[in-house]
Amino acid sequence: MSASEERGTTGEVCHVSGVYYCVRHPRNEIPLSKGERFPPFSLDGGHSTTWILRRKA
């Protein structure tokens, strides 16, 4: 798995199903399935972010 498959930014398509965390708020995790789009971070006023794979599902 390449590094680009282990992360994604808001609006990009997820390539690996798993649990992702927000780079700016690492305690906040979301489950995401392959083919879904990475969402914006919903707390802290909402913002675009980079999501990093914590563990594959």
PDB file of N, CA and C in Angstrom:
ATOM      1  N   MET A   1       0.854  -1.174   0.000  1.00  0.00           N
ATOM      2  CA  MET A   1       0.000   0.000   0.000  1.00  0.00           C
ATOM      3  C   MET A   1       0.897   1.233   0.000  1.00  0.00           C
ATOM      4  N   SER A   2       0.626   2.137  -0.891  1.00  0.00           N
ATOM      5  CA  SER A   2       1.445   3.356  -0.972  1.00  0.00           C
ATOM      6  C   SER A   2       0.981   4.389   0.043  1.00  0.00           C
ATOM      7  N   ALA A   3       1.844   5.345   0.309  1.00  0.00           N
ATOM      8  CA  ALA A   3       1.524   6.401   1.273  1.00  0.00           C
ATOM      9  C   ALA A   3       0.293   7.187   0.832  1.00  0.00           C
ATOM     10  N   SER A   4       0.105   7.373  -0.475  1.00  0.00           N
ATOM     11  CA  SER A   4      -1.058   8.126  -0.950  1.00  0.00           C
ATOM     12  C   SER A   4      -2.355   7.362  -0.707  1.00  0.00           C
ATOM     13  N   GLU A   5      -2.299   6.042  -0.587  1.00  0.00           N
ATOM     14  CA  GLU A   5      -3.488   5.251  -0.292  1.00  0.00           C
ATOM     15  C   GLU A   5      -3.813   5.264   1.202  1.00  0.00           C
ATOM     16  N   GLU A   6      -2.883   5.706   2.017  1.00  0.00           N
ATOM     17  CA  GLU A   6      -3.070   5.718   3.463  1.00  0.00           C
ATOM     18  C   GLU A   6      -3.563   7.068   3.975  1.00  0.00           C
ATOM     19  N   ARG A   7      -3.873   7.980   3.073  1.00  0.00           N
ATOM     20  CA  ARG A   7      -4.353   9.303   3.473  1.00  0.00           C
ATOM     21  C   ARG A   7      -5.192   9.893   2.358  1.00  0.00           C
ATOM     22  N   GLY A   8      -5.962  10.904   2.691  1.00  0.00           N
ATOM     23  CA  GLY A   8      -6.762  11.601   1.693  1.00  0.00           C
ATOM     24  C   GLY A   8      -7.219  12.933   2.245  1.00  0.00           C
ATOM     25  N   THR A   9      -7.481  13.853   1.351  1.00  0.00           N
ATOM     26  CA  THR A   9      -7.959  15.164   1.771  1.00  0.00           C
ATOM     27  C   THR A   9      -9.446  15.293   1.464  1.00  0.00           C
ATOM     28  N   THR A  10     -10.073  16.234   2.116  1.00  0.00           N
ATOM     29  CA  THR A  10     -11.503  16.469   1.931  1.00  0.00           C
ATOM     30  C   THR A  10     -11.851  16.514   0.443  1.00  0.00           C
ATOM     31  N   GLY A  11     -12.839  15.696   0.056  1.00  0.00           N
ATOM     32  CA  GLY A  11     -13.303  15.657  -1.327  1.00  0.00           C
ATOM     33  C   GLY A  11     -12.703  14.546  -2.162  1.00  0.00           C
ATOM     34  N   GLU A  12     -11.566  13.998  -1.760  1.00  0.00           N
ATOM     35  CA  GLU A  12     -10.950  12.904  -2.508  1.00  0.00           C
ATOM     36  C   GLU A  12     -11.663  11.583  -2.228  1.00  0.00           C
ATOM     37  N   VAL A  13     -11.492  10.620  -3.131  1.00  0.00           N
ATOM     38  CA  VAL A  13     -12.085   9.296  -2.969  1.00  0.00           C
ATOM     39  C   VAL A  13     -11.164   8.426  -2.126  1.00  0.00           C
ATOM     40  N   CYS A  14     -11.745   7.710  -1.190  1.00  0.00           N
ATOM     41  CA  CYS A  14     -11.008   6.791  -0.319  1.00  0.00           C
ATOM     42  C   CYS A  14     -10.647   5.527  -1.101  1.00  0.00           C
ATOM     43  N   HIS A  15      -9.402   5.075  -1.003  1.00  0.00           N
ATOM     44  CA  HIS A  15      -8.942   3.880  -1.716  1.00  0.00           C
ATOM     45  C   HIS A  15      -8.816   2.661  -0.814  1.00  0.00           C
ATOM     46  N   VAL A  16      -8.829   2.858   0.502  1.00  0.00           N
ATOM     47  CA  VAL A  16      -8.668   1.760   1.456  1.00  0.00           C
ATOM     48  C   VAL A  16      -9.692   1.932   2.587  1.00  0.00           C
ATOM     49  N   SER A  17     -10.568   0.946   2.771  1.00  0.00           N
ATOM     50  CA  SER A  17     -11.539   0.998   3.866  1.00  0.00           C
ATOM     51  C   SER A  17     -10.822   0.932   5.200  1.00  0.00           C
ATOM     52  N   GLY A  18     -11.286   1.731   6.155  1.00  0.00           N
ATOM     53  CA  GLY A  18     -10.668   1.691   7.471  1.00  0.00           C
ATOM     54  C   GLY A  18     -11.126   2.839   8.351  1.00  0.00           C
ATOM     55  N   VAL A  19     -10.370   3.036   9.407  1.00  0.00           N
ATOM     56  CA  VAL A  19     -10.633   4.125  10.349  1.00  0.00           C
ATOM     57  C   VAL A  19      -9.556   5.182  10.138  1.00  0.00           C
ATOM     58  N   TYR A  20      -9.985   6.402   9.920  1.00  0.00           N
ATOM     59  CA  TYR A  20      -9.084   7.519   9.628  1.00  0.00           C
ATOM     60  C   TYR A  20      -9.175   8.565  10.733  1.00  0.00           C
ATOM     61  N   TYR A  21      -8.074   9.284  10.944  1.00  0.00           N
ATOM     62  CA  TYR A  21      -8.091  10.379  11.910  1.00  0.00           C
ATOM     63  C   TYR A  21      -7.688  11.678  11.218  1.00  0.00           C
ATOM     64  N   CYS A  22      -8.170  12.773  11.786  1.00  0.00           N
ATOM     65  CA  CYS A  22      -7.882  14.105  11.269  1.00  0.00           C
ATOM     66  C   CYS A  22      -6.468  14.517  11.681  1.00  0.00           C
ATOM     67  N   VAL A  23      -5.689  15.005  10.735  1.00  0.00           N
ATOM     68  CA  VAL A  23      -4.304  15.387  11.009  1.00  0.00           C
ATOM     69  C   VAL A  23      -4.220  16.508  12.060  1.00  0.00           C
ATOM     70  N   ARG A  24      -5.207  17.403  12.094  1.00  0.00           N
ATOM     71  CA  ARG A  24      -5.193  18.509  13.070  1.00  0.00           C
ATOM     72  C   ARG A  24      -5.824  18.133  14.404  1.00  0.00           C
ATOM     73  N   HIS A  25      -6.622  17.082  14.403  1.00  0.00           N
ATOM     74  CA  HIS A  25      -7.329  16.634  15.615  1.00  0.00           C
ATOM     75  C   HIS A  25      -7.202  15.109  15.702  1.00  0.00           C
ATOM     76  N   PRO A  26      -6.034  14.587  16.019  1.00  0.00           N
ATOM     77  CA  PRO A  26      -5.768  13.150  15.915  1.00  0.00           C
ATOM     78  C   PRO A  26      -6.616  12.246  16.796  1.00  0.00           C
ATOM     79  N   ARG A  27      -7.288  12.789  17.792  1.00  0.00           N
ATOM     80  CA  ARG A  27      -8.153  11.940  18.620  1.00  0.00           C
ATOM     81  C   ARG A  27      -9.508  11.702  17.968  1.00  0.00           C
ATOM     82  N   ASN A  28      -9.825  12.458  16.917  1.00  0.00           N
ATOM     83  CA  ASN A  28     -11.101  12.307  16.226  1.00  0.00           C
ATOM     84  C   ASN A  28     -10.956  11.361  15.042  1.00  0.00           C
ATOM     85  N   GLU A  29     -11.737  10.296  15.059  1.00  0.00           N
ATOM     86  CA  GLU A  29     -11.667   9.262  14.025  1.00  0.00           C
ATOM     87  C   GLU A  29     -13.009   9.136  13.297  1.00  0.00           C
ATOM     88  N   ILE A  30     -12.930   8.665  12.050  1.00  0.00           N
ATOM     89  CA  ILE A  30     -14.130   8.358  11.276  1.00  0.00           C
ATOM     90  C   ILE A  30     -13.915   7.033  10.556  1.00  0.00           C
ATOM     91  N   PRO A  31     -14.968   6.225  10.424  1.00  0.00           N
ATOM     92  CA  PRO A  31     -14.882   5.041   9.573  1.00  0.00           C
ATOM     93  C   PRO A  31     -15.181   5.464   8.139  1.00  0.00           C
ATOM     94  N   LEU A  32     -14.459   4.913   7.188  1.00  0.00           N
ATOM     95  CA  LEU A  32     -14.680   5.266   5.789  1.00  0.00           C
ATOM     96  C   LEU A  32     -14.489   4.011   4.944  1.00  0.00           C
ATOM     97  N   SER A  33     -15.374   3.826   3.976  1.00  0.00           N
ATOM     98  CA  SER A  33     -15.301   2.671   3.078  1.00  0.00           C
ATOM     99  C   SER A  33     -14.692   3.071   1.750  1.00  0.00           C
ATOM    100  N   LYS A  34     -14.037   2.124   1.120  1.00  0.00           N
ATOM    101  CA  LYS A  34     -13.458   2.343  -0.200  1.00  0.00           C
ATOM    102  C   LYS A  34     -14.542   2.880  -1.133  1.00  0.00           C
ATOM    103  N   GLY A  35     -14.229   3.941  -1.871  1.00  0.00           N
ATOM    104  CA  GLY A  35     -15.167   4.550  -2.802  1.00  0.00           C
ATOM    105  C   GLY A  35     -15.901   5.757  -2.245  1.00  0.00           C
ATOM    106  N   GLU A  36     -15.947   5.906  -0.921  1.00  0.00           N
ATOM    107  CA  GLU A  36     -16.567   7.083  -0.323  1.00  0.00           C
ATOM    108  C   GLU A  36     -15.605   8.268  -0.435  1.00  0.00           C
ATOM    109  N   ARG A  37     -16.143   9.463  -0.311  1.00  0.00           N
ATOM    110  CA  ARG A  37     -15.301  10.663  -0.345  1.00  0.00           C
ATOM    111  C   ARG A  37     -14.954  11.096   1.070  1.00  0.00           C
ATOM    112  N   PHE A  38     -13.721  11.591   1.225  1.00  0.00           N
ATOM    113  CA  PHE A  38     -13.300  12.105   2.523  1.00  0.00           C
ATOM    114  C   PHE A  38     -14.103  13.370   2.831  1.00  0.00           C
ATOM    115  N   PRO A  39     -14.710  13.435   4.017  1.00  0.00           N
ATOM    116  CA  PRO A  39     -15.523  14.602   4.368  1.00  0.00           C
ATOM    117  C   PRO A  39     -14.683  15.715   4.973  1.00  0.00           C
ATOM    118  N   PRO A  40     -15.282  16.899   5.122  1.00  0.00           N
ATOM    119  CA  PRO A  40     -14.612  17.933   5.902  1.00  0.00           C
ATOM    120  C   PRO A  40     -14.687  17.544   7.379  1.00  0.00           C
ATOM    121  N   PHE A  41     -13.828  18.114   8.184  1.00  0.00           N
ATOM    122  CA  PHE A  41     -13.888  17.903   9.629  1.00  0.00           C
ATOM    123  C   PHE A  41     -15.062  18.701  10.143  1.00  0.00           C
ATOM    124  N   SER A  42     -15.935  18.079  10.924  1.00  0.00           N
ATOM    125  CA  SER A  42     -17.187  18.744  11.294  1.00  0.00           C
ATOM    126  C   SER A  42     -17.125  19.577  12.573  1.00  0.00           C
ATOM    127  N   LEU A  43     -16.119  19.372  13.403  1.00  0.00           N
ATOM    128  CA  LEU A  43     -16.008  20.154  14.630  1.00  0.00           C
ATOM    129  C   LEU A  43     -15.095  21.357  14.399  1.00  0.00           C
ATOM    130  N   ASP A  44     -14.882  22.152  15.415  1.00  0.00           N
ATOM    131  CA  ASP A  44     -13.964  23.297  15.324  1.00  0.00           C
ATOM    132  C   ASP A  44     -14.379  24.260  14.207  1.00  0.00           C
ATOM    133  N   GLY A  45     -15.691  24.420  14.012  1.00  0.00           N
ATOM    134  CA  GLY A  45     -16.177  25.329  12.982  1.00  0.00           C
ATOM    135  C   GLY A  45     -16.235  24.712  11.606  1.00  0.00           C
ATOM    136  N   GLY A  46     -15.768  23.484  11.461  1.00  0.00           N
ATOM    137  CA  GLY A  46     -15.746  22.814  10.159  1.00  0.00           C
ATOM    138  C   GLY A  46     -14.613  23.324   9.288  1.00  0.00           C
ATOM    139  N   HIS A  47     -13.883  22.420   8.687  1.00  0.00           N
ATOM    140  CA  HIS A  47     -12.786  22.812   7.794  1.00  0.00           C
ATOM    141  C   HIS A  47     -12.328  21.628   6.953  1.00  0.00           C
ATOM    142  N   SER A  48     -11.687  21.924   5.841  1.00  0.00           N
ATOM    143  CA  SER A  48     -11.056  20.874   5.036  1.00  0.00           C
ATOM    144  C   SER A  48      -9.887  20.325   5.822  1.00  0.00           C
ATOM    145  N   THR A  49      -9.559  19.068   5.569  1.00  0.00           N
ATOM    146  CA  THR A  49      -8.454  18.466   6.307  1.00  0.00           C
ATOM    147  C   THR A  49      -7.858  17.300   5.543  1.00  0.00           C
ATOM    148  N   THR A  50      -6.781  16.792   6.070  1.00  0.00           N
ATOM    149  CA  THR A  50      -6.204  15.547   5.589  1.00  0.00           C
ATOM    150  C   THR A  50      -6.554  14.472   6.597  1.00  0.00           C
ATOM    151  N   TRP A  51      -7.050  13.340   6.102  1.00  0.00           N
ATOM    152  CA  TRP A  51      -7.384  12.184   6.927  1.00  0.00           C
ATOM    153  C   TRP A  51      -6.305  11.132   6.731  1.00  0.00           C
ATOM    154  N   ILE A  52      -5.847  10.534   7.823  1.00  0.00           N
ATOM    155  CA  ILE A  52      -4.766   9.534   7.786  1.00  0.00           C
ATOM    156  C   ILE A  52      -5.297   8.206   8.305  1.00  0.00           C
ATOM    157  N   LEU A  53      -4.968   7.140   7.593  1.00  0.00           N
ATOM    158  CA  LEU A  53      -5.427   5.801   7.968  1.00  0.00           C
ATOM    159  C   LEU A  53      -4.799   5.363   9.279  1.00  0.00           C
ATOM    160  N   ARG A  54      -5.638   5.034  10.251  1.00  0.00           N
ATOM    161  CA  ARG A  54      -5.157   4.530  11.540  1.00  0.00           C
ATOM    162  C   ARG A  54      -5.113   3.004  11.518  1.00  0.00           C
ATOM    163  N   ARG A  55      -6.185   2.382  10.967  1.00  0.00           N
ATOM    164  CA  ARG A  55      -6.201   0.916  10.836  1.00  0.00           C
ATOM    165  C   ARG A  55      -7.160   0.533   9.705  1.00  0.00           C
ATOM    166  N   LYS A  56      -6.781  -0.493   8.977  1.00  0.00           N
ATOM    167  CA  LYS A  56      -7.614  -0.996   7.895  1.00  0.00           C
ATOM    168  C   LYS A  56      -8.807  -1.759   8.465  1.00  0.00           C
ATOM    169  N   ALA A  57      -9.898  -1.748   7.725  1.00  0.00           N
ATOM    170  CA  ALA A  57     -11.107  -2.474   8.157  1.00  0.00           C
ATOM    171  C   ALA A  57     -11.225  -3.769   7.385  1.00  0.00           C
TER     172      ALA A  57
END
